[in-house]
């Protein structure tokens, strides 16, 4: 009984972590961007916050788009045009 509970708890904890971690991962980078924008460029705090959120949102959007284009290419019909997934993946690399 204890072993089953621990295995179930471990599985649940892993699932929750796998769902939360991708959303927490951009926070340190956003903080660093906001801090650097505020400290080094002397921009107002609200502008630094907007800059940090914008950069991270663009990274998230670029990554999502690249994955969607890759998925499209994997499942498209032969008559459908190919999506520029390599370009999008390159942009993710630049991000």
C-alpha atoms as a PDB file:
ATOM      1  CA  UNK A   1       0.000   0.000   0.000  1.00  0.00           C
ATOM      2  CA  UNK A   2       2.770   2.460   0.941  1.00  0.00           C
ATOM      3  CA  UNK A   3       4.746   1.666  -2.200  1.00  0.00           C
ATOM      4  CA  UNK A   4       1.721   2.289  -4.437  1.00  0.00           C
ATOM      5  CA  UNK A   5       1.030   5.585  -2.685  1.00  0.00           C
ATOM      6  CA  UNK A   6       4.641   6.701  -3.072  1.00  0.00           C
ATOM      7  CA  UNK A   7       4.725   5.712  -6.742  1.00  0.00           C
ATOM      8  CA  UNK A   8       1.453   7.538  -7.364  1.00  0.00           C
ATOM      9  CA  UNK A   9       2.693  10.583  -5.453  1.00  0.00           C
ATOM     10  CA  UNK A  10       5.977  10.544  -7.380  1.00  0.00           C
ATOM     11  CA  UNK A  11       4.149  10.296 -10.700  1.00  0.00           C
ATOM     12  CA  UNK A  12       1.777  13.128  -9.787  1.00  0.00           C
ATOM     13  CA  UNK A  13       4.623  15.325  -8.589  1.00  0.00           C
ATOM     14  CA  UNK A  14       6.543  14.684 -11.812  1.00  0.00           C
ATOM     15  CA  UNK A  15       3.485  15.509 -13.926  1.00  0.00           C
ATOM     16  CA  UNK A  16       2.867  18.761 -12.062  1.00  0.00           C
ATOM     17  CA  UNK A  17       6.532  19.715 -12.331  1.00  0.00           C
ATOM     18  CA  UNK A  18       6.565  18.971 -16.054  1.00  0.00           C
ATOM     19  CA  UNK A  19       3.563  21.234 -16.565  1.00  0.00           C
ATOM     20  CA  UNK A  20       4.762  24.126 -14.379  1.00  0.00           C
ATOM     21  CA  UNK A  21       8.489  24.216 -15.224  1.00  0.00           C
ATOM     22  CA  UNK A  22       8.125  25.499 -18.807  1.00  0.00           C
ATOM     23  CA  UNK A  23       6.112  28.458 -17.531  1.00  0.00           C
ATOM     24  CA  UNK A  24       8.611  29.234 -14.766  1.00  0.00           C
ATOM     25  CA  UNK A  25      11.699  28.889 -16.982  1.00  0.00           C
ATOM     26  CA  UNK A  26      11.429  32.370 -18.589  1.00  0.00           C
ATOM     27  CA  UNK A  27      11.165  34.170 -15.237  1.00  0.00           C
ATOM     28  CA  UNK A  28      14.912  34.430 -14.479  1.00  0.00           C
ATOM     29  CA  UNK A  29      15.645  35.712 -17.983  1.00  0.00           C
ATOM     30  CA  UNK A  30      12.792  38.206 -17.807  1.00  0.00           C
ATOM     31  CA  UNK A  31      14.085  39.406 -14.454  1.00  0.00           C
ATOM     32  CA  UNK A  32      17.604  39.852 -15.832  1.00  0.00           C
ATOM     33  CA  UNK A  33      16.310  41.743 -18.875  1.00  0.00           C
ATOM     34  CA  UNK A  34      14.134  43.985 -16.726  1.00  0.00           C
ATOM     35  CA  UNK A  35      16.916  44.667 -14.234  1.00  0.00           C
ATOM     36  CA  UNK A  36      19.490  45.432 -16.944  1.00  0.00           C
ATOM     37  CA  UNK A  37      17.060  47.693 -18.776  1.00  0.00           C
ATOM     38  CA  UNK A  38      16.284  49.533 -15.560  1.00  0.00           C
ATOM     39  CA  UNK A  39      19.847  49.748 -14.193  1.00  0.00           C
ATOM     40  CA  UNK A  40      21.982  50.226 -17.293  1.00  0.00           C
ATOM     41  CA  UNK A  41      19.644  52.026 -19.672  1.00  0.00           C
ATOM     42  CA  UNK A  42      17.985  54.065 -16.924  1.00  0.00           C
ATOM     43  CA  UNK A  43      14.535  53.356 -18.296  1.00  0.00           C
ATOM     44  CA  UNK A  44      11.557  53.735 -15.942  1.00  0.00           C
ATOM     45  CA  UNK A  45      10.529  50.609 -14.054  1.00  0.00           C
ATOM     46  CA  UNK A  46       7.308  50.129 -15.958  1.00  0.00           C
ATOM     47  CA  UNK A  47       9.123  50.322 -19.311  1.00  0.00           C
ATOM     48  CA  UNK A  48      11.744  47.819 -18.118  1.00  0.00           C
ATOM     49  CA  UNK A  49       8.937  45.478 -17.050  1.00  0.00           C
ATOM     50  CA  UNK A  50       7.202  45.811 -20.414  1.00  0.00           C
ATOM     51  CA  UNK A  51      10.522  45.172 -22.211  1.00  0.00           C
ATOM     52  CA  UNK A  52      11.168  42.030 -20.169  1.00  0.00           C
ATOM     53  CA  UNK A  53       7.665  40.669 -20.737  1.00  0.00           C
ATOM     54  CA  UNK A  54       7.828  41.491 -24.450  1.00  0.00           C
ATOM     55  CA  UNK A  55      11.145  39.725 -25.017  1.00  0.00           C
ATOM     56  CA  UNK A  56       9.954  36.609 -23.208  1.00  0.00           C
ATOM     57  CA  UNK A  57       6.574  36.648 -24.973  1.00  0.00           C
ATOM     58  CA  UNK A  58       8.341  36.861 -28.335  1.00  0.00           C
ATOM     59  CA  UNK A  59      10.524  33.907 -27.386  1.00  0.00           C
ATOM     60  CA  UNK A  60       7.496  31.877 -26.347  1.00  0.00           C
ATOM     61  CA  UNK A  61       5.606  32.802 -29.527  1.00  0.00           C
ATOM     62  CA  UNK A  62       8.610  31.962 -31.717  1.00  0.00           C
ATOM     63  CA  UNK A  63       9.070  28.578 -30.076  1.00  0.00           C
ATOM     64  CA  UNK A  64       5.366  27.753 -30.303  1.00  0.00           C
ATOM     65  CA  UNK A  65       5.239  28.766 -33.968  1.00  0.00           C
ATOM     66  CA  UNK A  66       8.315  26.682 -34.791  1.00  0.00           C
ATOM     67  CA  UNK A  67       6.767  23.614 -33.159  1.00  0.00           C
ATOM     68  CA  UNK A  68       3.462  24.163 -34.975  1.00  0.00           C
ATOM     69  CA  UNK A  69       5.235  24.511 -38.338  1.00  0.00           C
ATOM     70  CA  UNK A  70       7.237  21.357 -37.679  1.00  0.00           C
ATOM     71  CA  UNK A  71       4.026  19.532 -36.787  1.00  0.00           C
ATOM     72  CA  UNK A  72       2.372  20.834 -39.981  1.00  0.00           C
ATOM     73  CA  UNK A  73       5.236  19.535 -42.117  1.00  0.00           C
ATOM     74  CA  UNK A  74       5.101  16.144 -40.422  1.00  0.00           C
ATOM     75  CA  UNK A  75       1.373  15.661 -41.089  1.00  0.00           C
ATOM     76  CA  UNK A  76       0.646  17.679 -44.235  1.00  0.00           C
ATOM     77  CA  UNK A  77      -0.729  16.193 -47.415  1.00  0.00           C
ATOM     78  CA  UNK A  78       1.623  15.893 -50.369  1.00  0.00           C
ATOM     79  CA  UNK A  79      -0.244  18.631 -52.254  1.00  0.00           C
ATOM     80  CA  UNK A  80       0.017  21.096 -49.356  1.00  0.00           C
ATOM     81  CA  UNK A  81       2.939  23.530 -49.348  1.00  0.00           C
ATOM     82  CA  UNK A  82       5.742  22.981 -46.870  1.00  0.00           C
ATOM     83  CA  UNK A  83       5.943  25.395 -43.950  1.00  0.00           C
ATOM     84  CA  UNK A  84       9.252  27.227 -43.297  1.00  0.00           C
ATOM     85  CA  UNK A  85       9.979  25.275 -40.121  1.00  0.00           C
ATOM     86  CA  UNK A  86      13.759  25.525 -40.502  1.00  0.00           C
ATOM     87  CA  UNK A  87      13.555  29.318 -40.592  1.00  0.00           C
ATOM     88  CA  UNK A  88      11.412  29.317 -37.456  1.00  0.00           C
ATOM     89  CA  UNK A  89      13.781  26.910 -35.686  1.00  0.00           C
ATOM     90  CA  UNK A  90      16.683  29.171 -36.657  1.00  0.00           C
ATOM     91  CA  UNK A  91      14.866  32.115 -35.085  1.00  0.00           C
ATOM     92  CA  UNK A  92      14.398  30.086 -31.907  1.00  0.00           C
ATOM     93  CA  UNK A  93      18.154  29.534 -31.916  1.00  0.00           C
ATOM     94  CA  UNK A  94      18.746  33.269 -32.289  1.00  0.00           C
ATOM     95  CA  UNK A  95      16.384  33.951 -29.413  1.00  0.00           C
END
